[in-house]
Amino acid sequence: MTNSVHTNAAAAIALQNLSNTNSRLGDVQNRISTGLKVQGAKDNAAIWAIAQNQRADVGALSAVKQSLDRATSIADVALSAGESISDLLNQLKEKVTAANDPSLKTQSRELLDADFKALLKAIQSAVDNATFDGGNILNGSLTNGIKFLANADASAFVTLTSKDLSLSGSIIELSLSDSLLTVSGATAALTKLDDSIGQLNAALGEIGSQGKQIAAHRTFVGKLVDTLESGIGNLVDADLAKESARLQALQVQQQLGAQALSIANQAPQIILSLFRG
């Protein structure tokens, strides 16, 4: 190797090695600080693209979960109101049965009829107030029910069927025009009441089944989101234990590289000894 004050090949090599070590050290520090081994397309375009697609699916499934949460809440409110209405119908059964007693005096019938009307109004109030976030599947306003998202592509849906529990409807046949003031009126009301109880139980059973289906699907979507997030982590997350070991090794290499460069930079000083007298 030529001894020259203009060219120091050893120093150049030492500088290249030190620069390379510093670059690798910077990469390791970035992975440690972010926790990611693939932070952008520059790191690994294919893996980054796959991860981005999966992140988009996770975001879409989060919207699906929100939709299913709303469905669950609407179903729960409807079931709570329906169960209250069922209890009110059971109370009505006592009043209407009592009104079928032909020996009742007029005053007793009037009291029974007043209670009858009050319970019917309570039923209508429960129907009108069975609303969550503007959705009411019991008052007849939604003839086709409500559809909720079921997948990330928004191409599949789960439906919560509406049931009209309003008075004088297909399920609750009783109305405020019914009366217990006569035996014939009480008999007609009892027939309607028996029909209403059976129809209401069937309607609530269907809502309950749909609510259970929605809850099961929401659980599945939640597990799917967890799986996708785990898969994304497998693709882009850094192994911090390995990165810690790399960091220590590179820090040692950096120190050694700096010392090697320092030694190489001192090499031209040897030429001075050649010119000493």
C-alpha atoms as a PDB file:
ATOM      1  CA  MET A   1       0.000   0.000   0.000  1.00  0.00           C
ATOM      2  CA  THR A   2       1.371   3.448  -0.975  1.00  0.00           C
ATOM      3  CA  ASN A   3       2.076   5.839   1.883  1.00  0.00           C
ATOM      4  CA  SER A   4       0.478   9.155   0.901  1.00  0.00           C
ATOM      5  CA  VAL A   5      -0.782  12.292   2.616  1.00  0.00           C
ATOM      6  CA  HIS A   6      -3.403  12.731  -0.126  1.00  0.00           C
ATOM      7  CA  THR A   7      -5.039   9.329  -0.055  1.00  0.00           C
ATOM      8  CA  ASN A   8      -5.854   7.281   3.046  1.00  0.00           C
ATOM      9  CA  ALA A   9      -7.500   4.073   1.853  1.00  0.00           C
ATOM     10  CA  ALA A  10      -7.751   2.631   5.369  1.00  0.00           C
ATOM     11  CA  ALA A  11      -9.553   5.720   6.610  1.00  0.00           C
ATOM     12  CA  ALA A  12     -11.945   5.592   3.659  1.00  0.00           C
ATOM     13  CA  ILE A  13     -12.777   1.946   4.370  1.00  0.00           C
ATOM     14  CA  ALA A  14     -13.183   2.641   8.088  1.00  0.00           C
ATOM     15  CA  LEU A  15     -15.486   5.589   7.272  1.00  0.00           C
ATOM     16  CA  GLN A  16     -17.623   3.452   4.950  1.00  0.00           C
ATOM     17  CA  ASN A  17     -17.972   0.771   7.608  1.00  0.00           C
ATOM     18  CA  LEU A  18     -18.834   3.336  10.266  1.00  0.00           C
ATOM     19  CA  SER A  19     -21.442   4.956   8.024  1.00  0.00           C
ATOM     20  CA  ASN A  20     -22.964   1.558   7.308  1.00  0.00           C
ATOM     21  CA  THR A  21     -23.080   0.767  11.025  1.00  0.00           C
ATOM     22  CA  ASN A  22     -24.683   4.142  11.794  1.00  0.00           C
ATOM     23  CA  SER A  23     -27.322   3.525   9.105  1.00  0.00           C
ATOM     24  CA  ARG A  24     -28.181   0.082  10.489  1.00  0.00           C
ATOM     25  CA  LEU A  25     -28.214   1.506  14.008  1.00  0.00           C
ATOM     26  CA  GLY A  26     -30.685   4.173  12.886  1.00  0.00           C
ATOM     27  CA  ASP A  27     -32.942   1.492  11.403  1.00  0.00           C
ATOM     28  CA  VAL A  28     -32.885  -0.504  14.626  1.00  0.00           C
ATOM     29  CA  GLN A  29     -33.642   2.585  16.705  1.00  0.00           C
ATOM     30  CA  ASN A  30     -36.613   3.371  14.445  1.00  0.00           C
ATOM     31  CA  ARG A  31     -37.955  -0.164  14.844  1.00  0.00           C
ATOM     32  CA  ILE A  32     -37.575   0.067  18.615  1.00  0.00           C
ATOM     33  CA  SER A  33     -39.195   3.497  18.885  1.00  0.00           C
ATOM     34  CA  THR A  34     -42.174   2.594  16.667  1.00  0.00           C
ATOM     35  CA  GLY A  35     -42.434  -1.118  17.456  1.00  0.00           C
ATOM     36  CA  LEU A  36     -42.719  -1.783  13.717  1.00  0.00           C
ATOM     37  CA  LYS A  37     -40.360  -3.572  11.382  1.00  0.00           C
ATOM     38  CA  VAL A  38     -42.392  -2.381   8.365  1.00  0.00           C
ATOM     39  CA  GLN A  39     -43.313   1.262   8.811  1.00  0.00           C
ATOM     40  CA  GLY A  40     -44.001   2.153   5.202  1.00  0.00           C
ATOM     41  CA  ALA A  41     -43.848   1.014   1.603  1.00  0.00           C
ATOM     42  CA  LYS A  42     -40.114   1.794   1.484  1.00  0.00           C
ATOM     43  CA  ASP A  43     -39.384  -0.872   4.093  1.00  0.00           C
ATOM     44  CA  ASN A  44     -41.243  -3.686   2.315  1.00  0.00           C
ATOM     45  CA  ALA A  45     -43.782  -2.686  -0.319  1.00  0.00           C
ATOM     46  CA  ALA A  46     -45.565  -6.055  -0.547  1.00  0.00           C
ATOM     47  CA  ILE A  47     -45.940  -6.579   3.211  1.00  0.00           C
ATOM     48  CA  TRP A  48     -46.971  -2.954   3.749  1.00  0.00           C
ATOM     49  CA  ALA A  49     -49.679  -3.235   1.075  1.00  0.00           C
ATOM     50  CA  ILE A  50     -51.056  -6.437   2.604  1.00  0.00           C
ATOM     51  CA  ALA A  51     -51.075  -4.863   6.054  1.00  0.00           C
ATOM     52  CA  GLN A  52     -52.841  -1.749   4.768  1.00  0.00           C
ATOM     53  CA  ASN A  53     -55.558  -3.859   3.165  1.00  0.00           C
ATOM     54  CA  GLN A  54     -56.063  -5.732   6.421  1.00  0.00           C
ATOM     55  CA  ARG A  55     -56.191  -2.459   8.346  1.00  0.00           C
ATOM     56  CA  ALA A  56     -58.941  -1.289   5.998  1.00  0.00           C
ATOM     57  CA  ASP A  57     -60.896  -4.474   6.740  1.00  0.00           C
ATOM     58  CA  VAL A  58     -60.438  -3.952  10.470  1.00  0.00           C
ATOM     59  CA  GLY A  59     -61.787  -0.417  10.146  1.00  0.00           C
ATOM     60  CA  ALA A  60     -64.787  -1.657   8.159  1.00  0.00           C
ATOM     61  CA  LEU A  61     -65.466  -4.413  10.695  1.00  0.00           C
ATOM     62  CA  SER A  62     -65.396  -1.825  13.462  1.00  0.00           C
ATOM     63  CA  ALA A  63     -68.283  -0.121  11.667  1.00  0.00           C
ATOM     64  CA  VAL A  64     -70.034  -3.507  11.447  1.00  0.00           C
ATOM     65  CA  LYS A  65     -69.608  -3.965  15.203  1.00  0.00           C
ATOM     66  CA  GLN A  66     -71.125  -0.549  15.833  1.00  0.00           C
ATOM     67  CA  SER A  67     -74.089  -1.427  13.615  1.00  0.00           C
ATOM     68  CA  LEU A  68     -74.582  -4.740  15.433  1.00  0.00           C
ATOM     69  CA  ASP A  69     -74.280  -3.002  18.805  1.00  0.00           C
ATOM     70  CA  ARG A  70     -77.107  -0.700  17.747  1.00  0.00           C
ATOM     71  CA  ALA A  71     -79.132  -3.718  16.606  1.00  0.00           C
ATOM     72  CA  THR A  72     -78.581  -5.411  19.962  1.00  0.00           C
ATOM     73  CA  SER A  73     -79.680  -2.302  21.831  1.00  0.00           C
ATOM     74  CA  ILE A  74     -82.835  -1.896  19.718  1.00  0.00           C
ATOM     75  CA  ALA A  75     -83.692  -5.566  20.228  1.00  0.00           C
ATOM     76  CA  ASP A  76     -83.071  -5.326  23.989  1.00  0.00           C
ATOM     77  CA  VAL A  77     -85.290  -2.255  24.294  1.00  0.00           C
ATOM     78  CA  ALA A  78     -88.013  -3.938  22.252  1.00  0.00           C
ATOM     79  CA  LEU A  79     -87.841  -7.088  24.382  1.00  0.00           C
ATOM     80  CA  SER A  80     -87.965  -5.088  27.604  1.00  0.00           C
ATOM     81  CA  ALA A  81     -91.040  -3.227  26.384  1.00  0.00           C
ATOM     82  CA  GLY A  82     -92.595  -6.451  25.094  1.00  0.00           C
ATOM     83  CA  GLU A  83     -92.091  -8.214  28.411  1.00  0.00           C
ATOM     84  CA  SER A  84     -93.683  -5.262  30.197  1.00  0.00           C
ATOM     85  CA  ILE A  85     -96.628  -5.454  27.795  1.00  0.00           C
ATOM     86  CA  SER A  86     -96.918  -9.183  28.485  1.00  0.00           C
ATOM     87  CA  ASP A  87     -97.119  -8.457  32.201  1.00  0.00           C
ATOM     88  CA  LEU A  88     -99.813  -5.840  31.528  1.00  0.00           C
ATOM     89  CA  LEU A  89    -101.814  -8.353  29.480  1.00  0.00           C
ATOM     90  CA  ASN A  90    -101.624 -10.781  32.394  1.00  0.00           C
ATOM     91  CA  GLN A  91    -103.042  -8.064  34.628  1.00  0.00           C
ATOM     92  CA  LEU A  92    -105.756  -7.429  32.074  1.00  0.00           C
ATOM     93  CA  LYS A  93    -106.644 -11.122  32.147  1.00  0.00           C
ATOM     94  CA  GLU A  94    -107.592 -10.775  35.819  1.00  0.00           C
ATOM     95  CA  LYS A  95    -109.730  -7.687  35.151  1.00  0.00           C
ATOM     96  CA  VAL A  96    -111.476  -9.099  32.091  1.00  0.00           C
ATOM     97  CA  THR A  97    -112.146 -12.461  33.715  1.00  0.00           C
ATOM     98  CA  ALA A  98    -113.634 -10.722  36.722  1.00  0.00           C
ATOM     99  CA  ALA A  99    -115.845  -8.626  34.427  1.00  0.00           C
ATOM    100  CA  ASN A 100    -117.352 -11.821  32.983  1.00  0.00           C
ATOM    101  CA  ASP A 101    -119.093 -12.414  36.305  1.00  0.00           C
ATOM    102  CA  PRO A 102    -122.774 -11.657  35.618  1.00  0.00           C
ATOM    103  CA  SER A 103    -123.405 -10.932  39.322  1.00  0.00           C
ATOM    104  CA  LEU A 104    -121.222  -7.814  39.377  1.00  0.00           C
ATOM    105  CA  LYS A 105    -122.834  -4.544  40.281  1.00  0.00           C
ATOM    106  CA  THR A 106    -122.628  -1.532  37.977  1.00  0.00           C
ATOM    107  CA  GLN A 107    -120.156   0.305  40.203  1.00  0.00           C
ATOM    108  CA  SER A 108    -117.800  -2.666  40.273  1.00  0.00           C
ATOM    109  CA  ARG A 109    -117.977  -2.941  36.482  1.00  0.00           C
ATOM    110  CA  GLU A 110    -117.186   0.729  36.104  1.00  0.00           C
ATOM    111  CA  LEU A 111    -114.113   0.344  38.335  1.00  0.00           C
ATOM    112  CA  LEU A 112    -112.978  -2.710  36.403  1.00  0.00           C
ATOM    113  CA  ASP A 113    -113.511  -0.881  33.127  1.00  0.00           C
ATOM    114  CA  ALA A 114    -111.478   2.106  34.372  1.00  0.00           C
ATOM    115  CA  ASP A 115    -108.609  -0.193  35.329  1.00  0.00           C
ATOM    116  CA  PHE A 116    -108.973  -1.943  31.960  1.00  0.00           C
ATOM    117  CA  LYS A 117    -108.667   1.322  30.069  1.00  0.00           C
ATOM    118  CA  ALA A 118    -105.706   2.446  32.210  1.00  0.00           C
ATOM    119  CA  LEU A 119    -103.806  -0.779  31.488  1.00  0.00           C
ATOM    120  CA  LEU A 120    -104.489  -0.445  27.757  1.00  0.00           C
ATOM    121  CA  LYS A 121    -103.080   3.105  27.829  1.00  0.00           C
ATOM    122  CA  ALA A 122    -100.024   1.770  29.654  1.00  0.00           C
ATOM    123  CA  ILE A 123     -99.546  -0.788  26.870  1.00  0.00           C
ATOM    124  CA  GLN A 124     -99.703   1.910  24.191  1.00  0.00           C
ATOM    125  CA  SER A 125     -97.258   4.061  26.173  1.00  0.00           C
ATOM    126  CA  ALA A 126     -94.792   1.171  26.390  1.00  0.00           C
ATOM    127  CA  VAL A 127     -95.063   0.641  22.629  1.00  0.00           C
ATOM    128  CA  ASP A 128     -94.534   4.320  21.837  1.00  0.00           C
ATOM    129  CA  ASN A 129     -91.491   4.614  24.097  1.00  0.00           C
ATOM    130  CA  ALA A 130     -89.694   1.432  23.013  1.00  0.00           C
ATOM    131  CA  THR A 131     -87.216   3.520  21.009  1.00  0.00           C
ATOM    132  CA  PHE A 132     -83.422   3.443  20.835  1.00  0.00           C
ATOM    133  CA  ASP A 133     -81.523   5.900  18.650  1.00  0.00           C
ATOM    134  CA  GLY A 134     -84.690   6.607  16.689  1.00  0.00           C
ATOM    135  CA  GLY A 135     -85.425   2.935  16.013  1.00  0.00           C
ATOM    136  CA  ASN A 136     -88.732   1.468  17.193  1.00  0.00           C
ATOM    137  CA  ILE A 137     -89.756  -1.958  15.905  1.00  0.00           C
ATOM    138  CA  LEU A 138     -92.933  -2.161  18.004  1.00  0.00           C
ATOM    139  CA  ASN A 139     -95.048   0.816  16.914  1.00  0.00           C
ATOM    140  CA  GLY A 140     -95.661  -0.159  13.297  1.00  0.00           C
ATOM    141  CA  SER A 141     -93.584   2.682  11.829  1.00  0.00           C
ATOM    142  CA  LEU A 142     -91.062   0.262  10.260  1.00  0.00           C
ATOM    143  CA  THR A 143     -93.040  -2.219   8.227  1.00  0.00           C
ATOM    144  CA  ASN A 144     -89.945  -3.954   6.789  1.00  0.00           C
ATOM    145  CA  GLY A 145     -87.896  -4.015   9.987  1.00  0.00           C
ATOM    146  CA  ILE A 146     -84.335  -2.714  10.213  1.00  0.00           C
ATOM    147  CA  LYS A 147     -81.275  -4.027   8.380  1.00  0.00           C
ATOM    148  CA  PHE A 148     -77.837  -3.915   9.971  1.00  0.00           C
ATOM    149  CA  LEU A 149     -74.363  -4.455   8.512  1.00  0.00           C
ATOM    150  CA  ALA A 150     -73.055  -8.015   8.657  1.00  0.00           C
ATOM    151  CA  ASN A 151     -69.727  -7.893   6.791  1.00  0.00           C
ATOM    152  CA  ALA A 152     -66.885  -5.550   5.864  1.00  0.00           C
ATOM    153  CA  ASP A 153     -68.015  -5.287   2.226  1.00  0.00           C
ATOM    154  CA  ALA A 154     -71.467  -4.026   3.262  1.00  0.00           C
ATOM    155  CA  SER A 155     -72.931  -6.711   0.992  1.00  0.00           C
ATOM    156  CA  ALA A 156     -74.635  -8.790   3.694  1.00  0.00           C
ATOM    157  CA  PHE A 157     -77.069  -7.754   6.400  1.00  0.00           C
ATOM    158  CA  VAL A 158     -78.920  -9.068   9.423  1.00  0.00           C
ATOM    159  CA  THR A 159     -82.537  -7.988   9.827  1.00  0.00           C
ATOM    160  CA  LEU A 160     -84.484  -7.184  12.954  1.00  0.00           C
ATOM    161  CA  THR A 161     -88.152  -7.780  12.105  1.00  0.00           C
ATOM    162  CA  SER A 162     -90.700  -5.199  13.215  1.00  0.00           C
ATOM    163  CA  LYS A 163     -93.755  -6.224  15.235  1.00  0.00           C
ATOM    164  CA  ASP A 164     -96.705  -3.860  15.520  1.00  0.00           C
ATOM    165  CA  LEU A 165     -97.844  -4.052  19.143  1.00  0.00           C
ATOM    166  CA  SER A 166    -100.112  -1.034  18.881  1.00  0.00           C
ATOM    167  CA  LEU A 167    -103.658  -1.391  20.205  1.00  0.00           C
ATOM    168  CA  SER A 168    -106.275  -2.840  17.834  1.00  0.00           C
ATOM    169  CA  GLY A 169    -103.499  -4.283  15.680  1.00  0.00           C
ATOM    170  CA  SER A 170    -102.802  -7.757  14.402  1.00  0.00           C
ATOM    171  CA  ILE A 171    -101.041  -8.750  17.631  1.00  0.00           C
ATOM    172  CA  ILE A 172    -102.732  -6.723  20.372  1.00  0.00           C
ATOM    173  CA  GLU A 173    -106.353  -6.925  19.256  1.00  0.00           C
ATOM    174  CA  LEU A 174    -107.747  -5.004  22.221  1.00  0.00           C
ATOM    175  CA  SER A 175    -108.538  -1.319  21.841  1.00  0.00           C
ATOM    176  CA  LEU A 176    -109.759   1.566  23.960  1.00  0.00           C
ATOM    177  CA  SER A 177    -113.191   1.119  22.401  1.00  0.00           C
ATOM    178  CA  ASP A 178    -113.546  -2.258  24.128  1.00  0.00           C
ATOM    179  CA  SER A 179    -115.566  -2.119  27.305  1.00  0.00           C
ATOM    180  CA  LEU A 180    -116.208  -4.191  30.414  1.00  0.00           C
ATOM    181  CA  LEU A 181    -119.433  -2.397  31.283  1.00  0.00           C
ATOM    182  CA  THR A 182    -121.475  -5.337  29.993  1.00  0.00           C
ATOM    183  CA  VAL A 183    -121.038  -9.077  30.166  1.00  0.00           C
ATOM    184  CA  SER A 184    -121.090  -9.334  26.387  1.00  0.00           C
ATOM    185  CA  GLY A 185    -118.399  -6.675  26.133  1.00  0.00           C
ATOM    186  CA  ALA A 186    -116.293  -8.485  28.731  1.00  0.00           C
ATOM    187  CA  THR A 187    -116.742 -11.782  26.846  1.00  0.00           C
ATOM    188  CA  ALA A 188    -115.609 -10.199  23.567  1.00  0.00           C
ATOM    189  CA  ALA A 189    -112.667  -8.561  25.326  1.00  0.00           C
ATOM    190  CA  LEU A 190    -111.641 -11.899  26.859  1.00  0.00           C
ATOM    191  CA  THR A 191    -111.551 -13.538  23.426  1.00  0.00           C
ATOM    192  CA  LYS A 192    -109.405 -10.726  22.043  1.00  0.00           C
ATOM    193  CA  LEU A 193    -107.183 -10.844  25.118  1.00  0.00           C
ATOM    194  CA  ASP A 194    -106.509 -14.566  24.844  1.00  0.00           C
ATOM    195  CA  ASP A 195    -105.618 -14.143  21.173  1.00  0.00           C
ATOM    196  CA  SER A 196    -103.383 -11.176  22.008  1.00  0.00           C
ATOM    197  CA  ILE A 197    -101.457 -13.047  24.690  1.00  0.00           C
ATOM    198  CA  GLY A 198    -100.632 -15.933  22.337  1.00  0.00           C
ATOM    199  CA  GLN A 199     -99.710 -13.620  19.470  1.00  0.00           C
ATOM    200  CA  LEU A 200     -97.548 -11.427  21.671  1.00  0.00           C
ATOM    201  CA  ASN A 201     -95.621 -14.391  23.027  1.00  0.00           C
ATOM    202  CA  ALA A 202     -94.926 -15.598  19.488  1.00  0.00           C
ATOM    203  CA  ALA A 203     -93.788 -12.122  18.403  1.00  0.00           C
ATOM    204  CA  LEU A 204     -91.453 -11.718  21.371  1.00  0.00           C
ATOM    205  CA  GLY A 205     -90.048 -15.200  20.743  1.00  0.00           C
ATOM    206  CA  GLU A 206     -89.153 -14.188  17.187  1.00  0.00           C
ATOM    207  CA  ILE A 207     -87.527 -10.937  18.326  1.00  0.00           C
ATOM    208  CA  GLY A 208     -85.610 -12.840  20.989  1.00  0.00           C
ATOM    209  CA  SER A 209     -84.321 -15.350  18.435  1.00  0.00           C
ATOM    210  CA  GLN A 210     -83.187 -12.565  16.119  1.00  0.00           C
ATOM    211  CA  GLY A 211     -81.528 -10.756  19.009  1.00  0.00           C
ATOM    212  CA  LYS A 212     -79.638 -13.929  19.888  1.00  0.00           C
ATOM    213  CA  GLN A 213     -78.525 -14.336  16.265  1.00  0.00           C
ATOM    214  CA  ILE A 214     -77.301 -10.729  16.174  1.00  0.00           C
ATOM    215  CA  ALA A 215     -75.408 -11.150  19.447  1.00  0.00           C
ATOM    216  CA  ALA A 216     -73.737 -14.326  18.137  1.00  0.00           C
ATOM    217  CA  HIS A 217     -72.738 -12.599  14.903  1.00  0.00           C
ATOM    218  CA  ARG A 218     -71.333  -9.642  16.840  1.00  0.00           C
ATOM    219  CA  THR A 219     -69.207 -12.055  18.884  1.00  0.00           C
ATOM    220  CA  PHE A 220     -67.920 -13.605  15.648  1.00  0.00           C
ATOM    221  CA  VAL A 221     -67.075 -10.175  14.195  1.00  0.00           C
ATOM    222  CA  GLY A 222     -65.214  -9.278  17.385  1.00  0.00           C
ATOM    223  CA  LYS A 223     -63.130 -12.458  17.148  1.00  0.00           C
ATOM    224  CA  LEU A 224     -62.489 -11.800  13.460  1.00  0.00           C
ATOM    225  CA  VAL A 225     -61.188  -8.303  14.240  1.00  0.00           C
ATOM    226  CA  ASP A 226     -58.868  -9.736  16.897  1.00  0.00           C
ATOM    227  CA  THR A 227     -57.571 -12.323  14.419  1.00  0.00           C
ATOM    228  CA  LEU A 228     -56.951  -9.720  11.727  1.00  0.00           C
ATOM    229  CA  GLU A 229     -55.150  -7.424  14.151  1.00  0.00           C
ATOM    230  CA  SER A 230     -52.976 -10.354  15.231  1.00  0.00           C
ATOM    231  CA  GLY A 231     -52.228 -11.130  11.595  1.00  0.00           C
ATOM    232  CA  ILE A 232     -51.241  -7.524  10.930  1.00  0.00           C
ATOM    233  CA  GLY A 233     -48.957  -7.657  13.929  1.00  0.00           C
ATOM    234  CA  ASN A 234     -47.282 -10.795  12.603  1.00  0.00           C
ATOM    235  CA  LEU A 235     -46.568  -8.955   9.362  1.00  0.00           C
ATOM    236  CA  VAL A 236     -45.314  -5.593  10.574  1.00  0.00           C
ATOM    237  CA  ASP A 237     -44.497  -5.741  14.293  1.00  0.00           C
ATOM    238  CA  ALA A 238     -40.866  -5.770  15.313  1.00  0.00           C
ATOM    239  CA  ASP A 239     -39.439  -8.422  17.628  1.00  0.00           C
ATOM    240  CA  LEU A 240     -38.156  -6.062  20.302  1.00  0.00           C
ATOM    241  CA  ALA A 241     -36.088  -8.758  22.020  1.00  0.00           C
ATOM    242  CA  LYS A 242     -34.120  -9.300  18.822  1.00  0.00           C
ATOM    243  CA  GLU A 243     -33.948  -5.574  18.141  1.00  0.00           C
ATOM    244  CA  SER A 244     -32.528  -5.004  21.618  1.00  0.00           C
ATOM    245  CA  ALA A 245     -29.752  -7.528  20.922  1.00  0.00           C
ATOM    246  CA  ARG A 246     -29.065  -5.904  17.536  1.00  0.00           C
ATOM    247  CA  LEU A 247     -28.934  -2.476  19.153  1.00  0.00           C
ATOM    248  CA  GLN A 248     -26.269  -3.516  21.640  1.00  0.00           C
ATOM    249  CA  ALA A 249     -24.205  -5.246  18.937  1.00  0.00           C
ATOM    250  CA  LEU A 250     -24.388  -2.235  16.631  1.00  0.00           C
ATOM    251  CA  GLN A 251     -23.492   0.155  19.425  1.00  0.00           C
ATOM    252  CA  VAL A 252     -20.318  -1.879  20.028  1.00  0.00           C
ATOM    253  CA  GLN A 253     -19.609  -1.914  16.274  1.00  0.00           C
ATOM    254  CA  GLN A 254     -20.118   1.841  16.177  1.00  0.00           C
ATOM    255  CA  GLN A 255     -17.571   2.398  18.931  1.00  0.00           C
ATOM    256  CA  LEU A 256     -15.095   0.030  17.280  1.00  0.00           C
ATOM    257  CA  GLY A 257     -15.651   1.701  13.926  1.00  0.00           C
ATOM    258  CA  ALA A 258     -14.971   5.114  15.424  1.00  0.00           C
ATOM    259  CA  GLN A 259     -11.739   3.822  16.958  1.00  0.00           C
ATOM    260  CA  ALA A 260     -10.713   2.174  13.652  1.00  0.00           C
ATOM    261  CA  LEU A 261     -11.308   5.454  11.829  1.00  0.00           C
ATOM    262  CA  SER A 262      -9.294   7.308  14.415  1.00  0.00           C
ATOM    263  CA  ILE A 263      -6.398   4.869  14.005  1.00  0.00           C
ATOM    264  CA  ALA A 264      -6.623   5.084  10.217  1.00  0.00           C
ATOM    265  CA  ASN A 265      -6.576   8.887  10.372  1.00  0.00           C
ATOM    266  CA  GLN A 266      -3.350   8.755  12.358  1.00  0.00           C
ATOM    267  CA  ALA A 267      -1.555   6.679   9.693  1.00  0.00           C
ATOM    268  CA  PRO A 268      -0.257   9.698   7.687  1.00  0.00           C
ATOM    269  CA  GLN A 269       1.586  10.811  10.828  1.00  0.00           C
ATOM    270  CA  ILE A 270       3.994   7.923  10.210  1.00  0.00           C
ATOM    271  CA  ILE A 271       5.268   9.725   7.067  1.00  0.00           C
ATOM    272  CA  LEU A 272       6.636  12.512   9.265  1.00  0.00           C
ATOM    273  CA  SER A 273       9.057  10.057  10.859  1.00  0.00           C
ATOM    274  CA  LEU A 274      10.564   9.396   7.461  1.00  0.00           C
ATOM    275  CA  PHE A 275      11.714  13.020   7.176  1.00  0.00           C
ATOM    276  CA  ARG A 276      13.231  13.424  10.609  1.00  0.00           C
ATOM    277  CA  GLY A 277      16.958  13.974  10.702  1.00  0.00           C
END
